[in-house]
C-alpha cells in the first residue's frame, strides 16, 4: 500500500533531519551537521534510535487517521535503520484487532 501524501511528507522531513545532536539542541527544520558548527553528537546507532522514536510517534497518529497506513513502509521511508517489523509493532499502540489507540491515549476506538 502506498503512503498517503501526508505520510510521504512526514517521512521526508524525518529522513532529512540530522538526528546526531538531537538531545543537545533544538534544531530548525533542515539542520545539517556539515554546514553547522561542531558540537556533541550521538553515535549512528543512538541517532537512529532517536529517529525511530520520532517515526513511531508520527506513525501512531498516521495509523489512527489512515486505515491503509503501512507502518513498515513508513519506517523505511523515514530512513530508520535495522528496525524489524516486530520492533515497529511493539512501538505502536495497536489493539489485537489492528486498531490504533486514539492519539494521546491508550484507548482504542
N, C-alpha and C. Protein backbone atom coordinates (compact mmCIF):
# COMPACT_ATOMS: atom_id res chain seq x y z
N UNK A 1 0.85 -1.18 0.00
CA UNK A 1 0.00 0.00 0.00
C UNK A 1 0.90 1.24 0.00
N UNK A 2 0.62 2.19 -0.85
CA UNK A 2 1.42 3.40 -0.92
C UNK A 2 1.10 4.34 0.23
N UNK A 3 2.12 5.02 0.72
CA UNK A 3 1.90 6.01 1.78
C UNK A 3 1.04 7.15 1.26
N UNK A 4 0.26 7.75 2.14
CA UNK A 4 -0.52 8.92 1.78
C UNK A 4 0.43 10.10 1.56
N UNK A 5 -0.08 11.15 0.98
CA UNK A 5 0.74 12.34 0.76
C UNK A 5 1.28 12.86 2.09
N UNK A 6 0.44 12.88 3.12
CA UNK A 6 0.87 13.34 4.43
C UNK A 6 1.97 12.43 4.99
N UNK A 7 1.80 11.13 4.84
CA UNK A 7 2.83 10.19 5.29
C UNK A 7 4.14 10.39 4.58
N UNK A 8 4.09 10.61 3.27
CA UNK A 8 5.30 10.86 2.48
C UNK A 8 6.00 12.12 2.97
N UNK A 9 5.23 13.16 3.24
CA UNK A 9 5.82 14.43 3.68
C UNK A 9 6.43 14.32 5.07
N UNK A 10 5.73 13.65 6.00
CA UNK A 10 6.31 13.43 7.33
C UNK A 10 7.59 12.61 7.22
N UNK A 11 7.56 11.54 6.45
CA UNK A 11 8.74 10.68 6.29
C UNK A 11 9.90 11.45 5.69
N UNK A 12 9.63 12.27 4.69
CA UNK A 12 10.70 13.06 4.07
C UNK A 12 11.36 14.01 5.08
N UNK A 13 10.55 14.61 5.93
CA UNK A 13 11.10 15.54 6.93
C UNK A 13 11.91 14.79 7.98
N UNK A 14 11.41 13.64 8.43
CA UNK A 14 12.14 12.83 9.42
C UNK A 14 13.44 12.34 8.81
N UNK A 15 13.39 11.86 7.57
CA UNK A 15 14.58 11.36 6.89
C UNK A 15 15.61 12.47 6.67
N UNK A 16 15.15 13.66 6.34
CA UNK A 16 16.03 14.76 6.00
C UNK A 16 16.77 15.34 7.20
N UNK A 17 16.22 15.20 8.37
CA UNK A 17 16.78 15.84 9.55
C UNK A 17 18.05 15.14 10.03
N UNK A 18 19.00 15.92 10.56
CA UNK A 18 20.22 15.38 11.17
C UNK A 18 19.92 15.12 12.64
N UNK A 19 19.78 13.86 13.01
CA UNK A 19 19.41 13.49 14.38
C UNK A 19 20.61 13.33 15.30
N UNK A 20 21.83 13.53 14.79
CA UNK A 20 23.04 13.22 15.55
C UNK A 20 23.26 14.11 16.77
N UNK A 21 22.61 15.27 16.83
CA UNK A 21 22.77 16.12 18.01
C UNK A 21 21.42 16.47 18.64
N UNK A 22 20.42 15.65 18.37
CA UNK A 22 19.05 15.92 18.83
C UNK A 22 18.92 16.18 20.34
N UNK A 23 19.63 15.46 21.21
CA UNK A 23 19.45 15.71 22.65
C UNK A 23 20.14 16.99 23.14
N UNK A 24 20.98 17.58 22.30
CA UNK A 24 21.81 18.68 22.76
C UNK A 24 21.36 20.05 22.29
N UNK A 25 20.41 20.10 21.38
CA UNK A 25 19.97 21.40 20.86
C UNK A 25 18.59 21.30 20.24
N UNK A 26 17.90 22.40 20.22
CA UNK A 26 16.64 22.48 19.49
C UNK A 26 16.98 22.97 18.08
N UNK A 27 16.63 22.17 17.10
CA UNK A 27 17.02 22.47 15.72
C UNK A 27 15.86 23.00 14.90
N UNK A 28 16.24 23.76 13.92
CA UNK A 28 15.26 24.18 12.93
C UNK A 28 15.12 23.04 11.93
N UNK A 29 14.06 23.03 11.18
CA UNK A 29 13.90 22.00 10.15
C UNK A 29 14.99 22.18 9.11
N UNK A 30 15.56 21.09 8.68
CA UNK A 30 16.58 21.15 7.64
C UNK A 30 17.99 21.32 8.14
N UNK A 31 18.22 21.22 9.44
CA UNK A 31 19.55 21.32 10.01
C UNK A 31 20.48 20.28 9.38
N UNK A 32 21.68 20.69 9.06
CA UNK A 32 22.68 19.76 8.50
C UNK A 32 24.00 19.97 9.22
N UNK A 33 24.51 18.88 9.77
CA UNK A 33 25.76 18.92 10.52
C UNK A 33 26.90 19.44 9.67
N UNK A 34 26.93 19.14 8.39
CA UNK A 34 28.02 19.53 7.51
C UNK A 34 28.18 21.04 7.42
N UNK A 35 27.10 21.79 7.62
CA UNK A 35 27.18 23.25 7.50
C UNK A 35 27.02 23.95 8.84
N UNK A 36 27.10 23.21 9.92
CA UNK A 36 26.91 23.77 11.25
C UNK A 36 28.19 23.66 12.05
N UNK A 37 28.25 24.39 13.14
CA UNK A 37 29.43 24.30 13.99
C UNK A 37 29.47 22.95 14.68
N UNK A 38 30.69 22.53 15.02
CA UNK A 38 30.87 21.23 15.67
C UNK A 38 30.32 21.28 17.09
N UNK A 39 29.97 20.15 17.60
CA UNK A 39 29.46 20.02 18.96
C UNK A 39 29.31 18.56 19.28
N UNK A 40 28.70 18.27 20.42
CA UNK A 40 28.47 16.88 20.79
C UNK A 40 27.55 16.22 19.78
N UNK A 41 27.85 14.97 19.47
CA UNK A 41 27.00 14.22 18.55
C UNK A 41 26.81 12.81 19.07
N UNK A 42 25.70 12.23 18.68
CA UNK A 42 25.39 10.84 19.01
C UNK A 42 26.10 9.91 18.04
N UNK A 43 26.24 8.67 18.44
CA UNK A 43 26.72 7.67 17.50
C UNK A 43 25.63 7.44 16.46
N UNK A 44 25.96 6.77 15.38
CA UNK A 44 24.97 6.45 14.35
C UNK A 44 23.82 5.64 14.95
N UNK A 45 24.14 4.67 15.82
CA UNK A 45 23.11 3.84 16.46
C UNK A 45 22.21 4.68 17.36
N UNK A 46 22.78 5.58 18.14
CA UNK A 46 21.98 6.43 19.03
C UNK A 46 21.08 7.36 18.22
N UNK A 47 21.62 7.95 17.16
CA UNK A 47 20.82 8.84 16.31
C UNK A 47 19.68 8.07 15.65
N UNK A 48 19.93 6.82 15.26
CA UNK A 48 18.88 6.00 14.66
C UNK A 48 17.77 5.72 15.67
N UNK A 49 18.13 5.53 16.94
CA UNK A 49 17.11 5.32 17.97
C UNK A 49 16.22 6.54 18.13
N UNK A 50 16.83 7.74 18.07
CA UNK A 50 16.03 8.98 18.15
C UNK A 50 15.10 9.04 16.94
N UNK A 51 15.63 8.80 15.74
CA UNK A 51 14.83 8.82 14.52
C UNK A 51 13.69 7.81 14.62
N UNK A 52 13.98 6.61 15.13
CA UNK A 52 12.96 5.58 15.27
C UNK A 52 11.85 6.03 16.23
N UNK A 53 12.20 6.66 17.33
CA UNK A 53 11.18 7.13 18.26
C UNK A 53 10.31 8.21 17.64
N UNK A 54 10.91 9.12 16.90
CA UNK A 54 10.13 10.16 16.22
C UNK A 54 9.21 9.50 15.20
N UNK A 55 9.73 8.55 14.44
CA UNK A 55 8.92 7.83 13.45
C UNK A 55 7.73 7.16 14.11
N UNK A 56 7.94 6.52 15.27
CA UNK A 56 6.85 5.81 15.94
C UNK A 56 5.77 6.77 16.44
N UNK A 57 6.17 7.92 16.94
CA UNK A 57 5.19 8.90 17.42
C UNK A 57 4.33 9.39 16.25
N UNK A 58 4.96 9.70 15.14
CA UNK A 58 4.21 10.17 13.97
C UNK A 58 3.37 9.03 13.40
N UNK A 59 3.93 7.81 13.37
CA UNK A 59 3.20 6.65 12.85
C UNK A 59 1.94 6.37 13.66
N UNK A 60 1.98 6.61 14.96
CA UNK A 60 0.81 6.38 15.80
C UNK A 60 -0.37 7.24 15.32
N UNK A 61 -0.09 8.49 15.00
CA UNK A 61 -1.16 9.40 14.55
C UNK A 61 -1.57 9.05 13.11
N UNK A 62 -0.60 8.80 12.24
CA UNK A 62 -0.95 8.47 10.86
C UNK A 62 -1.77 7.17 10.80
N UNK A 63 -1.39 6.18 11.61
CA UNK A 63 -2.13 4.92 11.63
C UNK A 63 -3.55 5.10 12.13
N UNK A 64 -3.73 5.99 13.08
CA UNK A 64 -5.06 6.28 13.61
C UNK A 64 -5.92 6.97 12.55
N UNK A 65 -5.31 7.85 11.76
CA UNK A 65 -6.03 8.64 10.77
C UNK A 65 -6.30 7.90 9.46
N UNK A 66 -5.40 6.99 9.08
CA UNK A 66 -5.46 6.37 7.76
C UNK A 66 -5.56 4.85 7.88
N UNK A 67 -6.71 4.27 7.54
CA UNK A 67 -6.88 2.82 7.68
C UNK A 67 -5.95 2.01 6.76
N UNK A 68 -5.39 2.64 5.75
CA UNK A 68 -4.49 1.95 4.83
C UNK A 68 -3.01 2.18 5.16
N UNK A 69 -2.73 2.83 6.27
CA UNK A 69 -1.36 3.16 6.65
C UNK A 69 -0.52 1.89 6.86
N UNK A 70 0.70 1.91 6.33
CA UNK A 70 1.63 0.79 6.48
C UNK A 70 2.83 1.28 7.30
N UNK A 71 2.91 0.90 8.58
CA UNK A 71 3.98 1.41 9.43
C UNK A 71 5.37 0.94 9.00
N UNK A 72 5.47 -0.22 8.35
CA UNK A 72 6.78 -0.72 7.90
C UNK A 72 7.29 0.10 6.73
N UNK A 73 6.41 0.41 5.81
CA UNK A 73 6.77 1.26 4.67
C UNK A 73 7.18 2.64 5.18
N UNK A 74 6.45 3.14 6.18
CA UNK A 74 6.76 4.45 6.74
C UNK A 74 8.13 4.44 7.42
N UNK A 75 8.43 3.40 8.20
CA UNK A 75 9.74 3.30 8.87
C UNK A 75 10.86 3.33 7.84
N UNK A 76 10.67 2.59 6.75
CA UNK A 76 11.68 2.56 5.70
C UNK A 76 11.82 3.94 5.04
N UNK A 77 10.70 4.59 4.76
CA UNK A 77 10.73 5.91 4.12
C UNK A 77 11.38 6.96 5.02
N UNK A 78 11.28 6.78 6.33
CA UNK A 78 11.89 7.70 7.29
C UNK A 78 13.40 7.49 7.41
N UNK A 79 13.89 6.40 6.85
CA UNK A 79 15.32 6.11 6.93
C UNK A 79 15.73 5.43 8.22
N UNK A 80 14.77 4.84 8.92
CA UNK A 80 15.10 4.11 10.15
C UNK A 80 15.87 2.86 9.75
N UNK A 81 17.03 2.66 10.36
CA UNK A 81 17.90 1.54 10.02
C UNK A 81 17.73 0.38 10.99
N UNK A 82 17.88 -0.83 10.49
CA UNK A 82 17.90 -2.03 11.34
C UNK A 82 16.75 -2.07 12.33
N UNK A 83 15.54 -1.90 11.83
CA UNK A 83 14.36 -1.86 12.69
C UNK A 83 13.39 -2.91 12.17
N UNK A 84 13.21 -3.98 12.92
CA UNK A 84 12.39 -5.10 12.47
C UNK A 84 10.90 -4.78 12.51
N UNK A 85 10.13 -5.61 11.83
CA UNK A 85 8.67 -5.46 11.87
C UNK A 85 8.17 -5.62 13.30
N UNK A 86 8.78 -6.52 14.06
CA UNK A 86 8.39 -6.72 15.45
C UNK A 86 8.63 -5.47 16.27
N UNK A 87 9.75 -4.79 16.02
CA UNK A 87 10.06 -3.56 16.76
C UNK A 87 9.07 -2.46 16.42
N UNK A 88 8.67 -2.38 15.15
CA UNK A 88 7.68 -1.37 14.75
C UNK A 88 6.37 -1.63 15.48
N UNK A 89 5.89 -2.86 15.45
CA UNK A 89 4.63 -3.19 16.11
C UNK A 89 4.71 -2.98 17.62
N UNK A 90 5.83 -3.33 18.22
CA UNK A 90 5.99 -3.16 19.67
C UNK A 90 5.99 -1.69 20.06
N UNK A 91 6.38 -0.82 19.14
CA UNK A 91 6.46 0.61 19.43
C UNK A 91 5.16 1.36 19.22
N UNK A 92 4.15 0.70 18.69
CA UNK A 92 2.86 1.35 18.42
C UNK A 92 1.79 0.79 19.35
N UNK A 93 0.81 1.62 19.65
CA UNK A 93 -0.33 1.19 20.47
C UNK A 93 -1.46 0.74 19.54
N UNK A 94 -1.40 -0.56 19.19
CA UNK A 94 -2.37 -1.15 18.28
C UNK A 94 -3.04 -2.32 19.00
N UNK A 95 -4.36 -2.39 18.93
CA UNK A 95 -5.09 -3.49 19.56
C UNK A 95 -4.87 -4.78 18.77
N UNK A 96 -5.25 -5.89 19.35
CA UNK A 96 -5.16 -7.17 18.65
C UNK A 96 -6.01 -7.18 17.39
N UNK A 97 -7.05 -6.34 17.37
CA UNK A 97 -7.92 -6.22 16.19
C UNK A 97 -7.33 -5.29 15.14
N UNK A 98 -6.16 -4.72 15.43
CA UNK A 98 -5.50 -3.85 14.45
C UNK A 98 -5.89 -2.39 14.53
N UNK A 99 -6.59 -1.99 15.58
CA UNK A 99 -7.00 -0.58 15.73
C UNK A 99 -5.93 0.19 16.50
N UNK A 100 -5.60 1.35 15.98
CA UNK A 100 -4.65 2.24 16.65
C UNK A 100 -5.34 2.96 17.79
N UNK A 101 -4.63 3.14 18.89
CA UNK A 101 -5.17 3.92 20.01
C UNK A 101 -5.34 5.37 19.57
N UNK A 102 -6.32 6.03 20.15
CA UNK A 102 -6.53 7.45 19.89
C UNK A 102 -5.27 8.21 20.29
N UNK A 103 -4.77 9.11 19.44
CA UNK A 103 -3.56 9.85 19.79
C UNK A 103 -3.66 10.49 21.17
N UNK A 104 -2.60 10.34 21.92
CA UNK A 104 -2.53 10.91 23.27
C UNK A 104 -3.19 10.06 24.34
N UNK A 105 -3.71 8.87 23.97
CA UNK A 105 -4.37 8.00 24.94
C UNK A 105 -3.93 6.54 24.70
N UNK A 106 -4.41 5.67 25.56
CA UNK A 106 -4.25 4.23 25.38
C UNK A 106 -5.56 3.61 24.93
N UNK A 107 -6.56 4.45 24.63
CA UNK A 107 -7.89 3.98 24.27
C UNK A 107 -7.99 3.64 22.79
N UNK A 108 -8.54 2.47 22.53
CA UNK A 108 -8.81 2.05 21.15
C UNK A 108 -10.28 2.29 20.88
N UNK A 109 -10.57 2.80 19.71
CA UNK A 109 -11.97 3.09 19.35
C UNK A 109 -12.76 1.81 19.27
